[in-house]
Amino acid sequence: MHVFSQFVFTGLGETPVPSPTVDPDSVTPGPAGFLVVALLVVAVILLVLDMLRRVRRTRYRAEVQEMLDQEEREQAEADETSAAEDRPDDEDPGATPPR
């Protein structure tokens, strides 16, 4: 038990704080660092805008394709119903005409 209490008490002492060896004012990114960060920000903004434009274009193309497919289905249904209305009721649709 004596070893445990010695370990606990030694850990509660004051922690030494290292003194800075470099002047914090002389270690700044400067104009070159600002320029690099500014260019990165501009590049990211341009990439995001391009991505949004491409996603929007893809979504619009999908919507237009869906509308065209719907119009084709409606036209096919209309053609089928008009063909069924033009055919006489007593005629067999699968029969071949006489020669």
N, C-alpha and C. Protein backbone atom coordinates (compact mmCIF):
# COMPACT_ATOMS: atom_id res chain seq x y z
N MET A 1 0.81 -1.18 0.00
CA MET A 1 0.00 0.00 0.00
C MET A 1 0.86 1.26 0.00
N HIS A 2 2.01 1.15 0.59
CA HIS A 2 2.92 2.28 0.69
C HIS A 2 3.41 2.73 -0.69
N VAL A 3 3.64 1.80 -1.61
CA VAL A 3 4.12 2.12 -2.95
C VAL A 3 3.02 2.87 -3.73
N PHE A 4 1.80 2.46 -3.57
CA PHE A 4 0.69 3.10 -4.26
C PHE A 4 0.52 4.55 -3.81
N SER A 5 0.59 4.81 -2.52
CA SER A 5 0.41 6.18 -2.03
C SER A 5 1.56 7.08 -2.47
N GLN A 6 2.77 6.52 -2.57
CA GLN A 6 3.90 7.30 -3.03
C GLN A 6 3.71 7.68 -4.51
N PHE A 7 3.17 6.76 -5.32
CA PHE A 7 2.94 7.02 -6.74
C PHE A 7 1.88 8.10 -6.92
N VAL A 8 0.82 8.07 -6.16
CA VAL A 8 -0.25 9.04 -6.27
C VAL A 8 0.24 10.42 -5.87
N PHE A 9 1.00 10.52 -4.80
CA PHE A 9 1.44 11.83 -4.32
C PHE A 9 2.50 12.45 -5.24
N THR A 10 3.32 11.65 -5.85
CA THR A 10 4.33 12.23 -6.75
C THR A 10 3.67 12.75 -8.02
N GLY A 11 2.55 12.19 -8.42
CA GLY A 11 1.86 12.65 -9.62
C GLY A 11 1.10 13.94 -9.40
N LEU A 12 0.91 14.35 -8.17
CA LEU A 12 0.14 15.55 -7.88
C LEU A 12 1.00 16.80 -7.79
N GLY A 13 2.28 16.69 -8.02
CA GLY A 13 3.17 17.85 -7.93
C GLY A 13 2.96 18.78 -9.11
N GLU A 14 3.62 19.94 -9.02
CA GLU A 14 3.49 20.92 -10.09
C GLU A 14 4.20 20.45 -11.34
N THR A 15 3.60 20.70 -12.50
CA THR A 15 4.19 20.28 -13.76
C THR A 15 5.07 21.41 -14.27
N PRO A 16 6.29 21.10 -14.68
CA PRO A 16 7.15 22.17 -15.20
C PRO A 16 6.66 22.63 -16.57
N VAL A 17 6.69 23.92 -16.83
CA VAL A 17 6.26 24.49 -18.08
C VAL A 17 7.51 24.89 -18.86
N PRO A 18 7.69 24.36 -20.07
CA PRO A 18 8.89 24.71 -20.83
C PRO A 18 8.83 26.16 -21.28
N SER A 19 9.96 26.79 -21.34
CA SER A 19 10.01 28.19 -21.79
C SER A 19 10.13 28.20 -23.31
N PRO A 20 9.44 29.10 -23.99
CA PRO A 20 9.51 29.14 -25.45
C PRO A 20 10.91 29.55 -25.91
N THR A 21 11.40 28.86 -26.95
CA THR A 21 12.72 29.17 -27.47
C THR A 21 12.65 29.99 -28.75
N VAL A 22 11.46 30.08 -29.34
CA VAL A 22 11.28 30.81 -30.59
C VAL A 22 10.31 31.96 -30.35
N ASP A 23 10.59 33.08 -30.97
CA ASP A 23 9.70 34.24 -30.85
C ASP A 23 8.42 33.95 -31.64
N PRO A 24 7.24 33.94 -30.99
CA PRO A 24 6.00 33.61 -31.70
C PRO A 24 5.65 34.60 -32.81
N ASP A 25 6.14 35.82 -32.73
CA ASP A 25 5.85 36.81 -33.76
C ASP A 25 6.65 36.57 -35.04
N SER A 26 7.79 35.91 -34.93
CA SER A 26 8.60 35.68 -36.13
C SER A 26 8.23 34.39 -36.85
N VAL A 27 7.36 33.58 -36.28
CA VAL A 27 6.97 32.32 -36.90
C VAL A 27 5.54 32.45 -37.41
N THR A 28 5.34 33.25 -38.42
CA THR A 28 4.03 33.43 -39.04
C THR A 28 4.11 32.99 -40.49
N PRO A 29 2.99 32.63 -41.08
CA PRO A 29 3.04 32.19 -42.47
C PRO A 29 3.40 33.31 -43.43
N GLY A 30 3.11 34.53 -43.09
CA GLY A 30 3.48 35.66 -43.94
C GLY A 30 2.63 35.75 -45.19
N PRO A 31 3.03 36.59 -46.13
CA PRO A 31 2.26 36.77 -47.37
C PRO A 31 2.21 35.52 -48.24
N ALA A 32 3.29 34.74 -48.23
CA ALA A 32 3.30 33.52 -49.05
C ALA A 32 2.25 32.52 -48.54
N GLY A 33 2.16 32.36 -47.23
CA GLY A 33 1.16 31.46 -46.65
C GLY A 33 -0.25 31.93 -46.93
N PHE A 34 -0.46 33.23 -46.82
CA PHE A 34 -1.78 33.79 -47.12
C PHE A 34 -2.14 33.54 -48.58
N LEU A 35 -1.19 33.73 -49.47
CA LEU A 35 -1.44 33.52 -50.90
C LEU A 35 -1.80 32.06 -51.19
N VAL A 36 -1.10 31.13 -50.57
CA VAL A 36 -1.40 29.71 -50.78
C VAL A 36 -2.80 29.39 -50.28
N VAL A 37 -3.14 29.87 -49.10
CA VAL A 37 -4.47 29.59 -48.54
C VAL A 37 -5.55 30.25 -49.40
N ALA A 38 -5.33 31.47 -49.85
CA ALA A 38 -6.31 32.15 -50.69
C ALA A 38 -6.52 31.41 -52.01
N LEU A 39 -5.43 30.93 -52.62
CA LEU A 39 -5.56 30.16 -53.86
C LEU A 39 -6.32 28.86 -53.63
N LEU A 40 -6.06 28.21 -52.50
CA LEU A 40 -6.80 26.98 -52.19
C LEU A 40 -8.29 27.26 -52.02
N VAL A 41 -8.62 28.34 -51.36
CA VAL A 41 -10.04 28.70 -51.16
C VAL A 41 -10.71 28.95 -52.51
N VAL A 42 -10.04 29.70 -53.38
CA VAL A 42 -10.61 29.99 -54.70
C VAL A 42 -10.78 28.70 -55.50
N ALA A 43 -9.78 27.81 -55.45
CA ALA A 43 -9.87 26.54 -56.18
C ALA A 43 -11.02 25.69 -55.66
N VAL A 44 -11.20 25.63 -54.36
CA VAL A 44 -12.29 24.83 -53.79
C VAL A 44 -13.65 25.41 -54.18
N ILE A 45 -13.77 26.72 -54.15
CA ILE A 45 -15.05 27.36 -54.54
C ILE A 45 -15.37 27.05 -56.00
N LEU A 46 -14.36 27.16 -56.87
CA LEU A 46 -14.59 26.86 -58.29
C LEU A 46 -14.97 25.39 -58.50
N LEU A 47 -14.32 24.49 -57.77
CA LEU A 47 -14.66 23.07 -57.90
C LEU A 47 -16.08 22.78 -57.42
N VAL A 48 -16.48 23.41 -56.33
CA VAL A 48 -17.85 23.20 -55.81
C VAL A 48 -18.88 23.73 -56.81
N LEU A 49 -18.63 24.89 -57.37
CA LEU A 49 -19.57 25.45 -58.36
C LEU A 49 -19.66 24.54 -59.59
N ASP A 50 -18.53 24.03 -60.05
CA ASP A 50 -18.53 23.13 -61.21
C ASP A 50 -19.28 21.84 -60.89
N MET A 51 -19.07 21.31 -59.69
CA MET A 51 -19.76 20.09 -59.30
C MET A 51 -21.27 20.31 -59.25
N LEU A 52 -21.69 21.44 -58.67
CA LEU A 52 -23.12 21.73 -58.60
C LEU A 52 -23.73 21.86 -59.99
N ARG A 53 -23.01 22.50 -60.89
CA ARG A 53 -23.50 22.66 -62.26
C ARG A 53 -23.66 21.29 -62.94
N ARG A 54 -22.69 20.41 -62.74
CA ARG A 54 -22.76 19.08 -63.35
C ARG A 54 -23.88 18.23 -62.76
N VAL A 55 -24.06 18.31 -61.45
CA VAL A 55 -25.14 17.55 -60.80
C VAL A 55 -26.49 18.06 -61.28
N ARG A 56 -26.64 19.38 -61.37
CA ARG A 56 -27.89 19.97 -61.85
C ARG A 56 -28.18 19.54 -63.29
N ARG A 57 -27.15 19.56 -64.15
CA ARG A 57 -27.33 19.16 -65.54
C ARG A 57 -27.73 17.69 -65.64
N THR A 58 -27.11 16.84 -64.83
CA THR A 58 -27.45 15.43 -64.85
C THR A 58 -28.89 15.21 -64.39
N ARG A 59 -29.32 15.95 -63.36
CA ARG A 59 -30.68 15.81 -62.87
C ARG A 59 -31.69 16.26 -63.93
N TYR A 60 -31.40 17.36 -64.62
CA TYR A 60 -32.31 17.84 -65.66
C TYR A 60 -32.38 16.85 -66.81
N ARG A 61 -31.25 16.27 -67.18
CA ARG A 61 -31.26 15.28 -68.26
C ARG A 61 -32.10 14.07 -67.87
N ALA A 62 -32.01 13.65 -66.63
CA ALA A 62 -32.81 12.51 -66.17
C ALA A 62 -34.30 12.86 -66.20
N GLU A 63 -34.65 14.08 -65.80
CA GLU A 63 -36.05 14.49 -65.83
C GLU A 63 -36.58 14.54 -67.26
N VAL A 64 -35.80 15.07 -68.19
CA VAL A 64 -36.22 15.14 -69.59
C VAL A 64 -36.36 13.74 -70.17
N GLN A 65 -35.42 12.86 -69.85
CA GLN A 65 -35.50 11.48 -70.35
C GLN A 65 -36.75 10.78 -69.81
N GLU A 66 -37.06 11.03 -68.55
CA GLU A 66 -38.26 10.45 -67.96
C GLU A 66 -39.52 10.96 -68.65
N MET A 67 -39.56 12.27 -68.96
CA MET A 67 -40.72 12.83 -69.65
C MET A 67 -40.85 12.23 -71.05
N LEU A 68 -39.73 12.07 -71.76
CA LEU A 68 -39.78 11.48 -73.09
C LEU A 68 -40.26 10.02 -73.04
N ASP A 69 -39.78 9.27 -72.06
CA ASP A 69 -40.22 7.89 -71.91
C ASP A 69 -41.72 7.83 -71.63
N GLN A 70 -42.21 8.73 -70.79
CA GLN A 70 -43.64 8.77 -70.48
C GLN A 70 -44.46 9.09 -71.73
N GLU A 71 -43.98 10.04 -72.55
CA GLU A 71 -44.68 10.37 -73.79
C GLU A 71 -44.70 9.19 -74.75
N GLU A 72 -43.59 8.44 -74.83
CA GLU A 72 -43.54 7.26 -75.70
C GLU A 72 -44.53 6.19 -75.23
N ARG A 73 -44.60 5.99 -73.89
CA ARG A 73 -45.56 5.01 -73.36
C ARG A 73 -46.99 5.43 -73.67
N GLU A 74 -47.30 6.72 -73.48
CA GLU A 74 -48.65 7.21 -73.77
C GLU A 74 -48.98 7.07 -75.26
N GLN A 75 -48.01 7.36 -76.11
CA GLN A 75 -48.22 7.23 -77.56
C GLN A 75 -48.45 5.77 -77.94
N ALA A 76 -47.68 4.85 -77.34
CA ALA A 76 -47.85 3.43 -77.64
C ALA A 76 -49.23 2.95 -77.17
N GLU A 77 -49.66 3.41 -76.00
CA GLU A 77 -50.99 3.04 -75.52
C GLU A 77 -52.07 3.60 -76.43
N ALA A 78 -51.89 4.82 -76.89
CA ALA A 78 -52.88 5.43 -77.78
C ALA A 78 -52.93 4.68 -79.11
N ASP A 79 -51.78 4.27 -79.64
CA ASP A 79 -51.74 3.50 -80.88
C ASP A 79 -52.43 2.16 -80.72
N GLU A 80 -52.22 1.51 -79.57
CA GLU A 80 -52.86 0.21 -79.33
C GLU A 80 -54.37 0.35 -79.24
N THR A 81 -54.83 1.38 -78.55
CA THR A 81 -56.28 1.54 -78.41
C THR A 81 -56.92 1.93 -79.74
N SER A 82 -56.24 2.74 -80.55
CA SER A 82 -56.82 3.12 -81.84
C SER A 82 -56.81 1.92 -82.79
N ALA A 83 -55.80 1.07 -82.70
CA ALA A 83 -55.76 -0.13 -83.54
C ALA A 83 -56.86 -1.10 -83.12
N ALA A 84 -57.13 -1.20 -81.82
CA ALA A 84 -58.17 -2.09 -81.34
C ALA A 84 -59.55 -1.56 -81.73
N GLU A 85 -59.74 -0.25 -81.78
CA GLU A 85 -61.02 0.33 -82.16
C GLU A 85 -61.27 0.18 -83.66
N ASP A 86 -60.22 0.20 -84.48
CA ASP A 86 -60.36 0.08 -85.93
C ASP A 86 -60.68 -1.35 -86.36
N ARG A 87 -60.33 -2.33 -85.57
CA ARG A 87 -60.53 -3.73 -85.93
C ARG A 87 -61.99 -4.13 -85.67
N PRO A 88 -62.61 -4.82 -86.60
CA PRO A 88 -63.99 -5.29 -86.38
C PRO A 88 -64.03 -6.31 -85.24
N ASP A 89 -65.16 -6.36 -84.55
CA ASP A 89 -65.28 -7.25 -83.40
C ASP A 89 -65.31 -8.72 -83.80
N ASP A 90 -65.88 -9.05 -84.98
CA ASP A 90 -66.01 -10.45 -85.35
C ASP A 90 -64.72 -11.02 -85.94
N GLU A 91 -63.76 -10.21 -86.23
CA GLU A 91 -62.52 -10.70 -86.82
C GLU A 91 -61.56 -11.14 -85.72
N ASP A 92 -60.91 -12.27 -85.93
CA ASP A 92 -59.94 -12.80 -84.98
C ASP A 92 -58.62 -12.05 -85.19
N PRO A 93 -58.07 -11.43 -84.13
CA PRO A 93 -56.85 -10.63 -84.32
C PRO A 93 -55.64 -11.49 -84.72
N GLY A 94 -55.68 -12.79 -84.41
CA GLY A 94 -54.55 -13.64 -84.75
C GLY A 94 -54.73 -14.36 -86.09
N ALA A 95 -55.89 -14.20 -86.72
CA ALA A 95 -56.15 -14.93 -87.97
C ALA A 95 -55.44 -14.26 -89.13
N THR A 96 -55.07 -15.07 -90.10
CA THR A 96 -54.43 -14.52 -91.31
C THR A 96 -55.51 -14.28 -92.35
N PRO A 97 -55.35 -13.22 -93.12
CA PRO A 97 -56.37 -12.92 -94.12
C PRO A 97 -56.32 -13.97 -95.27
N PRO A 98 -57.47 -14.24 -95.89
CA PRO A 98 -57.49 -15.22 -97.00
C PRO A 98 -56.73 -14.69 -98.20
N ARG A 99 -56.19 -15.64 -99.00
CA ARG A 99 -55.44 -15.24 -100.18
C ARG A 99 -56.24 -15.38 -101.42
